[in-house]
Amino acid sequence: LSASLVVYEHRSRLERSLQKERGEHKKTKEDFLVYKLEAQEALNKEKQDSMNRYGALSSQHKILKNQHEDVKKQLLDLQLQHNSLKLEHRKALETHSQKYAQLQQEKDSEVTNLQDTVFKLREESKLLRKAHQEVHSQLLNAQ
């Protein structure tokens, strides 16, 4: 009977210990499930935030890409306009250079002609003075 009592007591302690272990196991399992749920929620929130950031960056990238294309197009247009203006400038410069050379040549020709005319007029003036002097001398002689 004493041995049965010892066995019963031992068994009773083992059952209490087992119950205690089961309780702790259940609590640990519940804590783990709560932790798992919180971790999953945090992961989902972080994933959602990342997707939102990705969407915003993607939109910004598209906007910047379009702006880049616009700027490239403007640059090309301005380069074409610059080349056109450069060509116009070169043509105008050539035209002005030709006109200047022509006017310079006309001026030189006119100066030469005027110098010839002045020379001829001086010669004519000398001849007229000489003739006048002769007529004057003849007139004095006649008087």
N, C-alpha and C. Protein backbone atom coordinates (compact mmCIF):
# COMPACT_ATOMS: atom_id res chain seq x y z
N LEU A 1 0.83 -1.18 0.00
CA LEU A 1 0.00 0.00 0.00
C LEU A 1 0.89 1.26 0.00
N SER A 2 1.96 1.16 0.81
CA SER A 2 2.89 2.28 0.89
C SER A 2 3.56 2.51 -0.46
N ALA A 3 3.91 1.41 -1.11
CA ALA A 3 4.54 1.51 -2.41
C ALA A 3 3.56 2.09 -3.42
N SER A 4 2.31 1.71 -3.34
CA SER A 4 1.29 2.23 -4.25
C SER A 4 1.13 3.72 -4.03
N LEU A 5 1.18 4.12 -2.77
CA LEU A 5 1.02 5.51 -2.44
C LEU A 5 2.19 6.32 -3.02
N VAL A 6 3.41 5.80 -2.92
CA VAL A 6 4.59 6.47 -3.46
C VAL A 6 4.44 6.60 -4.98
N VAL A 7 4.00 5.48 -5.59
CA VAL A 7 3.83 5.49 -7.05
C VAL A 7 2.76 6.51 -7.43
N TYR A 8 1.65 6.52 -6.65
CA TYR A 8 0.56 7.44 -6.94
C TYR A 8 1.04 8.88 -6.78
N GLU A 9 1.80 9.14 -5.72
CA GLU A 9 2.32 10.47 -5.49
C GLU A 9 3.26 10.89 -6.62
N HIS A 10 4.12 9.97 -6.99
CA HIS A 10 5.07 10.23 -8.09
C HIS A 10 4.31 10.52 -9.38
N ARG A 11 3.28 9.70 -9.61
CA ARG A 11 2.46 9.87 -10.83
C ARG A 11 1.73 11.21 -10.79
N SER A 12 1.24 11.56 -9.63
CA SER A 12 0.52 12.81 -9.46
C SER A 12 1.46 13.99 -9.76
N ARG A 13 2.72 13.94 -9.22
CA ARG A 13 3.68 15.00 -9.50
C ARG A 13 4.00 15.09 -10.98
N LEU A 14 4.13 13.90 -11.60
CA LEU A 14 4.43 13.86 -13.04
C LEU A 14 3.28 14.48 -13.84
N GLU A 15 2.04 14.17 -13.45
CA GLU A 15 0.88 14.72 -14.17
C GLU A 15 0.82 16.24 -14.00
N ARG A 16 1.12 16.72 -12.76
CA ARG A 16 1.12 18.16 -12.53
C ARG A 16 2.23 18.82 -13.36
N SER A 17 3.37 18.15 -13.35
CA SER A 17 4.49 18.67 -14.13
C SER A 17 4.12 18.70 -15.62
N LEU A 18 3.48 17.63 -16.08
CA LEU A 18 3.04 17.55 -17.48
C LEU A 18 2.02 18.64 -17.77
N GLN A 19 1.08 18.88 -16.86
CA GLN A 19 0.07 19.92 -17.04
C GLN A 19 0.74 21.29 -17.11
N LYS A 20 1.72 21.47 -16.20
CA LYS A 20 2.45 22.72 -16.18
C LYS A 20 3.19 22.92 -17.50
N GLU A 21 3.84 21.88 -18.00
CA GLU A 21 4.56 21.94 -19.27
C GLU A 21 3.59 22.22 -20.42
N ARG A 22 2.42 21.57 -20.39
CA ARG A 22 1.43 21.80 -21.44
C ARG A 22 0.96 23.25 -21.41
N GLY A 23 0.74 23.78 -20.22
CA GLY A 23 0.31 25.17 -20.07
C GLY A 23 1.38 26.12 -20.62
N GLU A 24 2.63 25.86 -20.24
CA GLU A 24 3.72 26.70 -20.74
C GLU A 24 3.85 26.59 -22.26
N HIS A 25 3.69 25.32 -22.74
CA HIS A 25 3.76 25.10 -24.19
C HIS A 25 2.65 25.88 -24.91
N LYS A 26 1.44 25.83 -24.35
CA LYS A 26 0.31 26.53 -24.95
C LYS A 26 0.57 28.04 -24.94
N LYS A 27 1.07 28.56 -23.80
CA LYS A 27 1.36 29.98 -23.70
C LYS A 27 2.46 30.37 -24.71
N THR A 28 3.51 29.55 -24.79
CA THR A 28 4.60 29.81 -25.74
C THR A 28 4.07 29.80 -27.17
N LYS A 29 3.18 28.83 -27.44
CA LYS A 29 2.60 28.73 -28.79
C LYS A 29 1.77 29.97 -29.11
N GLU A 30 0.96 30.44 -28.15
CA GLU A 30 0.15 31.64 -28.34
C GLU A 30 1.05 32.87 -28.55
N ASP A 31 2.09 32.97 -27.69
CA ASP A 31 3.03 34.09 -27.84
C ASP A 31 3.68 34.07 -29.21
N PHE A 32 4.05 32.87 -29.68
CA PHE A 32 4.66 32.75 -30.99
C PHE A 32 3.70 33.17 -32.10
N LEU A 33 2.43 32.74 -31.97
CA LEU A 33 1.43 33.11 -32.98
C LEU A 33 1.22 34.63 -33.00
N VAL A 34 1.19 35.26 -31.81
CA VAL A 34 1.05 36.72 -31.73
C VAL A 34 2.27 37.38 -32.39
N TYR A 35 3.47 36.87 -32.03
CA TYR A 35 4.71 37.41 -32.62
C TYR A 35 4.70 37.25 -34.15
N LYS A 36 4.28 36.06 -34.60
CA LYS A 36 4.23 35.78 -36.05
C LYS A 36 3.26 36.73 -36.74
N LEU A 37 2.09 36.96 -36.14
CA LEU A 37 1.09 37.85 -36.71
C LEU A 37 1.61 39.29 -36.77
N GLU A 38 2.24 39.75 -35.67
CA GLU A 38 2.78 41.10 -35.64
C GLU A 38 3.90 41.26 -36.68
N ALA A 39 4.75 40.23 -36.78
CA ALA A 39 5.84 40.28 -37.76
C ALA A 39 5.28 40.33 -39.17
N GLN A 40 4.23 39.54 -39.42
CA GLN A 40 3.61 39.51 -40.75
C GLN A 40 2.99 40.87 -41.07
N GLU A 41 2.32 41.47 -40.07
CA GLU A 41 1.72 42.79 -40.27
C GLU A 41 2.80 43.85 -40.55
N ALA A 42 3.89 43.78 -39.77
CA ALA A 42 4.99 44.73 -39.97
C ALA A 42 5.59 44.55 -41.36
N LEU A 43 5.77 43.29 -41.76
CA LEU A 43 6.32 43.00 -43.08
C LEU A 43 5.39 43.51 -44.17
N ASN A 44 4.08 43.29 -44.00
CA ASN A 44 3.11 43.78 -44.99
C ASN A 44 3.11 45.31 -45.07
N LYS A 45 3.20 45.96 -43.88
CA LYS A 45 3.24 47.42 -43.86
C LYS A 45 4.50 47.92 -44.57
N GLU A 46 5.63 47.30 -44.26
CA GLU A 46 6.89 47.69 -44.90
C GLU A 46 6.83 47.45 -46.40
N LYS A 47 6.22 46.33 -46.78
CA LYS A 47 6.07 46.02 -48.21
C LYS A 47 5.19 47.07 -48.89
N GLN A 48 4.09 47.47 -48.22
CA GLN A 48 3.18 48.47 -48.77
C GLN A 48 3.91 49.82 -48.90
N ASP A 49 4.67 50.19 -47.84
CA ASP A 49 5.44 51.44 -47.89
C ASP A 49 6.44 51.40 -49.04
N SER A 50 7.10 50.27 -49.20
CA SER A 50 8.07 50.13 -50.28
C SER A 50 7.39 50.25 -51.65
N MET A 51 6.22 49.64 -51.77
CA MET A 51 5.50 49.73 -53.04
C MET A 51 5.07 51.18 -53.32
N ASN A 52 4.63 51.88 -52.26
CA ASN A 52 4.24 53.28 -52.42
C ASN A 52 5.45 54.12 -52.84
N ARG A 53 6.60 53.88 -52.17
CA ARG A 53 7.81 54.62 -52.53
C ARG A 53 8.22 54.29 -53.96
N TYR A 54 8.11 53.01 -54.33
CA TYR A 54 8.47 52.60 -55.69
C TYR A 54 7.56 53.30 -56.71
N GLY A 55 6.26 53.34 -56.40
CA GLY A 55 5.31 54.01 -57.30
C GLY A 55 5.64 55.48 -57.46
N ALA A 56 5.96 56.15 -56.33
CA ALA A 56 6.29 57.57 -56.39
C ALA A 56 7.58 57.79 -57.20
N LEU A 57 8.57 56.94 -56.94
CA LEU A 57 9.84 57.07 -57.68
C LEU A 57 9.64 56.76 -59.16
N SER A 58 8.78 55.80 -59.45
CA SER A 58 8.50 55.45 -60.84
C SER A 58 7.84 56.62 -61.56
N SER A 59 6.87 57.24 -60.89
CA SER A 59 6.20 58.41 -61.47
C SER A 59 7.20 59.55 -61.68
N GLN A 60 8.02 59.79 -60.66
CA GLN A 60 9.02 60.86 -60.78
C GLN A 60 10.00 60.54 -61.91
N HIS A 61 10.36 59.28 -62.04
CA HIS A 61 11.27 58.87 -63.12
C HIS A 61 10.65 59.15 -64.49
N LYS A 62 9.36 58.82 -64.63
CA LYS A 62 8.68 59.08 -65.91
C LYS A 62 8.66 60.57 -66.22
N ILE A 63 8.35 61.38 -65.18
CA ILE A 63 8.30 62.84 -65.37
C ILE A 63 9.67 63.35 -65.80
N LEU A 64 10.70 62.92 -65.07
CA LEU A 64 12.06 63.38 -65.40
C LEU A 64 12.50 62.89 -66.77
N LYS A 65 12.10 61.68 -67.12
CA LYS A 65 12.44 61.14 -68.45
C LYS A 65 11.79 61.98 -69.54
N ASN A 66 10.51 62.35 -69.34
CA ASN A 66 9.82 63.19 -70.31
C ASN A 66 10.47 64.58 -70.40
N GLN A 67 10.82 65.12 -69.22
CA GLN A 67 11.50 66.43 -69.22
C GLN A 67 12.83 66.32 -69.96
N HIS A 68 13.54 65.23 -69.74
CA HIS A 68 14.82 65.02 -70.42
C HIS A 68 14.63 64.98 -71.93
N GLU A 69 13.61 64.27 -72.38
CA GLU A 69 13.32 64.20 -73.81
C GLU A 69 12.98 65.59 -74.36
N ASP A 70 12.18 66.36 -73.59
CA ASP A 70 11.83 67.72 -74.02
C ASP A 70 13.08 68.60 -74.13
N VAL A 71 13.95 68.50 -73.14
CA VAL A 71 15.18 69.30 -73.15
C VAL A 71 16.07 68.89 -74.31
N LYS A 72 16.14 67.56 -74.58
CA LYS A 72 16.94 67.10 -75.72
C LYS A 72 16.37 67.66 -77.02
N LYS A 73 15.04 67.67 -77.14
CA LYS A 73 14.40 68.20 -78.35
C LYS A 73 14.68 69.70 -78.48
N GLN A 74 14.56 70.43 -77.36
CA GLN A 74 14.85 71.87 -77.38
C GLN A 74 16.30 72.12 -77.78
N LEU A 75 17.20 71.30 -77.25
CA LEU A 75 18.62 71.44 -77.59
C LEU A 75 18.82 71.23 -79.09
N LEU A 76 18.20 70.20 -79.63
CA LEU A 76 18.33 69.92 -81.06
C LEU A 76 17.78 71.08 -81.88
N ASP A 77 16.60 71.59 -81.48
CA ASP A 77 16.00 72.73 -82.19
C ASP A 77 16.92 73.95 -82.13
N LEU A 78 17.48 74.20 -80.94
CA LEU A 78 18.37 75.36 -80.79
C LEU A 78 19.66 75.18 -81.58
N GLN A 79 20.16 73.95 -81.65
CA GLN A 79 21.36 73.69 -82.45
C GLN A 79 21.07 73.94 -83.93
N LEU A 80 19.90 73.48 -84.40
CA LEU A 80 19.52 73.72 -85.80
C LEU A 80 19.37 75.23 -86.06
N GLN A 81 18.72 75.91 -85.13
CA GLN A 81 18.54 77.37 -85.26
C GLN A 81 19.90 78.07 -85.26
N HIS A 82 20.78 77.62 -84.38
CA HIS A 82 22.13 78.21 -84.30
C HIS A 82 22.87 78.00 -85.62
N ASN A 83 22.80 76.80 -86.16
CA ASN A 83 23.48 76.52 -87.44
C ASN A 83 22.89 77.39 -88.55
N SER A 84 21.57 77.54 -88.56
CA SER A 84 20.91 78.36 -89.57
C SER A 84 21.36 79.82 -89.44
N LEU A 85 21.38 80.33 -88.20
CA LEU A 85 21.80 81.71 -87.98
C LEU A 85 23.27 81.90 -88.32
N LYS A 86 24.08 80.89 -88.05
CA LYS A 86 25.50 80.96 -88.38
C LYS A 86 25.67 81.05 -89.89
N LEU A 87 24.88 80.26 -90.62
CA LEU A 87 24.94 80.29 -92.09
C LEU A 87 24.49 81.66 -92.61
N GLU A 88 23.38 82.17 -92.06
CA GLU A 88 22.90 83.50 -92.46
C GLU A 88 23.97 84.56 -92.19
N HIS A 89 24.59 84.46 -91.02
CA HIS A 89 25.63 85.43 -90.65
C HIS A 89 26.79 85.36 -91.63
N ARG A 90 27.20 84.15 -91.97
CA ARG A 90 28.32 83.99 -92.91
C ARG A 90 27.96 84.59 -94.27
N LYS A 91 26.72 84.34 -94.74
CA LYS A 91 26.29 84.90 -96.03
C LYS A 91 26.25 86.42 -95.98
N ALA A 92 25.71 86.98 -94.88
CA ALA A 92 25.63 88.43 -94.73
C ALA A 92 27.03 89.03 -94.70
N LEU A 93 27.94 88.35 -94.00
CA LEU A 93 29.32 88.83 -93.92
C LEU A 93 29.98 88.83 -95.30
N GLU A 94 29.74 87.76 -96.06
CA GLU A 94 30.29 87.70 -97.42
C GLU A 94 29.71 88.80 -98.29
N THR A 95 28.38 88.99 -98.19
CA THR A 95 27.72 90.03 -98.98
C THR A 95 28.29 91.41 -98.62
N HIS A 96 28.42 91.66 -97.31
CA HIS A 96 28.96 92.96 -96.89
C HIS A 96 30.41 93.12 -97.32
N SER A 97 31.17 92.04 -97.24
CA SER A 97 32.58 92.12 -97.66
C SER A 97 32.67 92.45 -99.15
N GLN A 98 31.81 91.78 -99.97
CA GLN A 98 31.81 92.06 -101.40
C GLN A 98 31.38 93.51 -101.67
N LYS A 99 30.32 93.94 -100.97
CA LYS A 99 29.83 95.30 -101.15
C LYS A 99 30.91 96.30 -100.74
N TYR A 100 31.59 96.03 -99.62
CA TYR A 100 32.66 96.90 -99.14
C TYR A 100 33.79 96.97 -100.16
N ALA A 101 34.17 95.79 -100.69
CA ALA A 101 35.26 95.76 -101.68
C ALA A 101 34.85 96.56 -102.93
N GLN A 102 33.58 96.39 -103.34
CA GLN A 102 33.08 97.11 -104.52
C GLN A 102 33.10 98.62 -104.26
N LEU A 103 32.60 99.03 -103.08
CA LEU A 103 32.57 100.46 -102.75
C LEU A 103 33.99 101.02 -102.64
N GLN A 104 34.90 100.23 -102.07
CA GLN A 104 36.30 100.65 -101.96
C GLN A 104 36.89 100.85 -103.35
N GLN A 105 36.58 99.91 -104.25
CA GLN A 105 37.09 100.01 -105.63
C GLN A 105 36.51 101.24 -106.33
N GLU A 106 35.19 101.47 -106.14
CA GLU A 106 34.55 102.64 -106.75
C GLU A 106 35.17 103.92 -106.19
N LYS A 107 35.40 103.95 -104.87
CA LYS A 107 36.00 105.14 -104.25
C LYS A 107 37.40 105.38 -104.81
N ASP A 108 38.21 104.30 -104.89
CA ASP A 108 39.57 104.44 -105.42
C ASP A 108 39.53 104.96 -106.86
N SER A 109 38.59 104.42 -107.66
CA SER A 109 38.46 104.85 -109.05
C SER A 109 38.06 106.32 -109.11
N GLU A 110 37.11 106.70 -108.27
CA GLU A 110 36.64 108.09 -108.25
C GLU A 110 37.76 109.04 -107.79
N VAL A 111 38.52 108.61 -106.78
CA VAL A 111 39.65 109.43 -106.31
C VAL A 111 40.66 109.62 -107.43
N THR A 112 40.96 108.52 -108.14
CA THR A 112 41.91 108.61 -109.27
C THR A 112 41.38 109.57 -110.33
N ASN A 113 40.09 109.43 -110.67
CA ASN A 113 39.47 110.31 -111.67
C ASN A 113 39.53 111.77 -111.21
N LEU A 114 39.21 112.01 -109.92
CA LEU A 114 39.24 113.38 -109.41
C LEU A 114 40.67 113.93 -109.43
N GLN A 115 41.65 113.07 -109.08
CA GLN A 115 43.04 113.52 -109.13
C GLN A 115 43.45 113.88 -110.57
N ASP A 116 43.01 113.04 -111.54
CA ASP A 116 43.28 113.35 -112.94
C ASP A 116 42.64 114.68 -113.35
N THR A 117 41.38 114.86 -112.91
CA THR A 117 40.65 116.08 -113.24
C THR A 117 41.36 117.29 -112.64
N VAL A 118 41.78 117.17 -111.37
CA VAL A 118 42.49 118.27 -110.72
C VAL A 118 43.78 118.57 -111.48
N PHE A 119 44.52 117.53 -111.85
CA PHE A 119 45.76 117.73 -112.60
C PHE A 119 45.48 118.44 -113.91
N LYS A 120 44.46 117.98 -114.65
CA LYS A 120 44.11 118.60 -115.93
C LYS A 120 43.68 120.04 -115.74
N LEU A 121 42.86 120.29 -114.67
CA LEU A 121 42.41 121.66 -114.42
C LEU A 121 43.57 122.57 -114.07
N ARG A 122 44.55 122.07 -113.34
CA ARG A 122 45.73 122.87 -113.01
C ARG A 122 46.52 123.20 -114.28
N GLU A 123 46.66 122.16 -115.11
CA GLU A 123 47.37 122.40 -116.38
C GLU A 123 46.62 123.44 -117.21
N GLU A 124 45.31 123.29 -117.28
CA GLU A 124 44.48 124.22 -118.05
C GLU A 124 44.58 125.63 -117.44
N SER A 125 44.58 125.68 -116.07
CA SER A 125 44.70 126.96 -115.39
C SER A 125 46.04 127.62 -115.73
N LYS A 126 47.11 126.82 -115.75
CA LYS A 126 48.43 127.36 -116.13
C LYS A 126 48.39 127.92 -117.54
N LEU A 127 47.77 127.12 -118.44
CA LEU A 127 47.69 127.58 -119.83
C LEU A 127 46.86 128.85 -119.94
N LEU A 128 45.75 128.93 -119.20
CA LEU A 128 44.90 130.12 -119.24
C LEU A 128 45.62 131.32 -118.66
N ARG A 129 46.37 131.12 -117.57
CA ARG A 129 47.14 132.24 -116.99
C ARG A 129 48.19 132.74 -117.99
N LYS A 130 48.82 131.72 -118.62
CA LYS A 130 49.85 132.08 -119.61
C LYS A 130 49.19 132.86 -120.75
N ALA A 131 48.04 132.39 -121.24
CA ALA A 131 47.34 133.07 -122.33
C ALA A 131 46.87 134.44 -121.86
N HIS A 132 46.37 134.51 -120.63
CA HIS A 132 45.92 135.78 -120.08
C HIS A 132 47.11 136.76 -120.00
N GLN A 133 48.22 136.21 -119.53
CA GLN A 133 49.43 137.05 -119.42
C GLN A 133 49.83 137.58 -120.80
N GLU A 134 49.74 136.69 -121.81
CA GLU A 134 50.11 137.10 -123.17
C GLU A 134 49.15 138.17 -123.68
N VAL A 135 47.85 137.93 -123.43
CA VAL A 135 46.85 138.91 -123.90
C VAL A 135 47.08 140.23 -123.16
N HIS A 136 47.37 140.15 -121.91
CA HIS A 136 47.63 141.35 -121.12
C HIS A 136 48.88 142.09 -121.64
N SER A 137 49.89 141.28 -121.92
CA SER A 137 51.14 141.87 -122.47
C SER A 137 50.85 142.52 -123.83
N GLN A 138 50.10 141.87 -124.69
CA GLN A 138 49.78 142.41 -126.00
C GLN A 138 48.97 143.69 -125.86
N LEU A 139 48.09 143.69 -124.92
CA LEU A 139 47.24 144.85 -124.68
C LEU A 139 48.10 146.03 -124.20
N LEU A 140 49.01 145.74 -123.33
CA LEU A 140 49.91 146.80 -122.84
C LEU A 140 50.78 147.31 -123.99
N ASN A 141 51.26 146.37 -124.80
CA ASN A 141 52.10 146.74 -125.93
C ASN A 141 51.29 147.59 -126.91
N ALA A 142 50.05 147.27 -127.12
CA ALA A 142 49.21 147.99 -128.07
C ALA A 142 48.92 149.39 -127.54
N GLN A 143 48.84 149.56 -126.30
CA GLN A 143 48.57 150.89 -125.73
C GLN A 143 49.83 151.68 -125.83
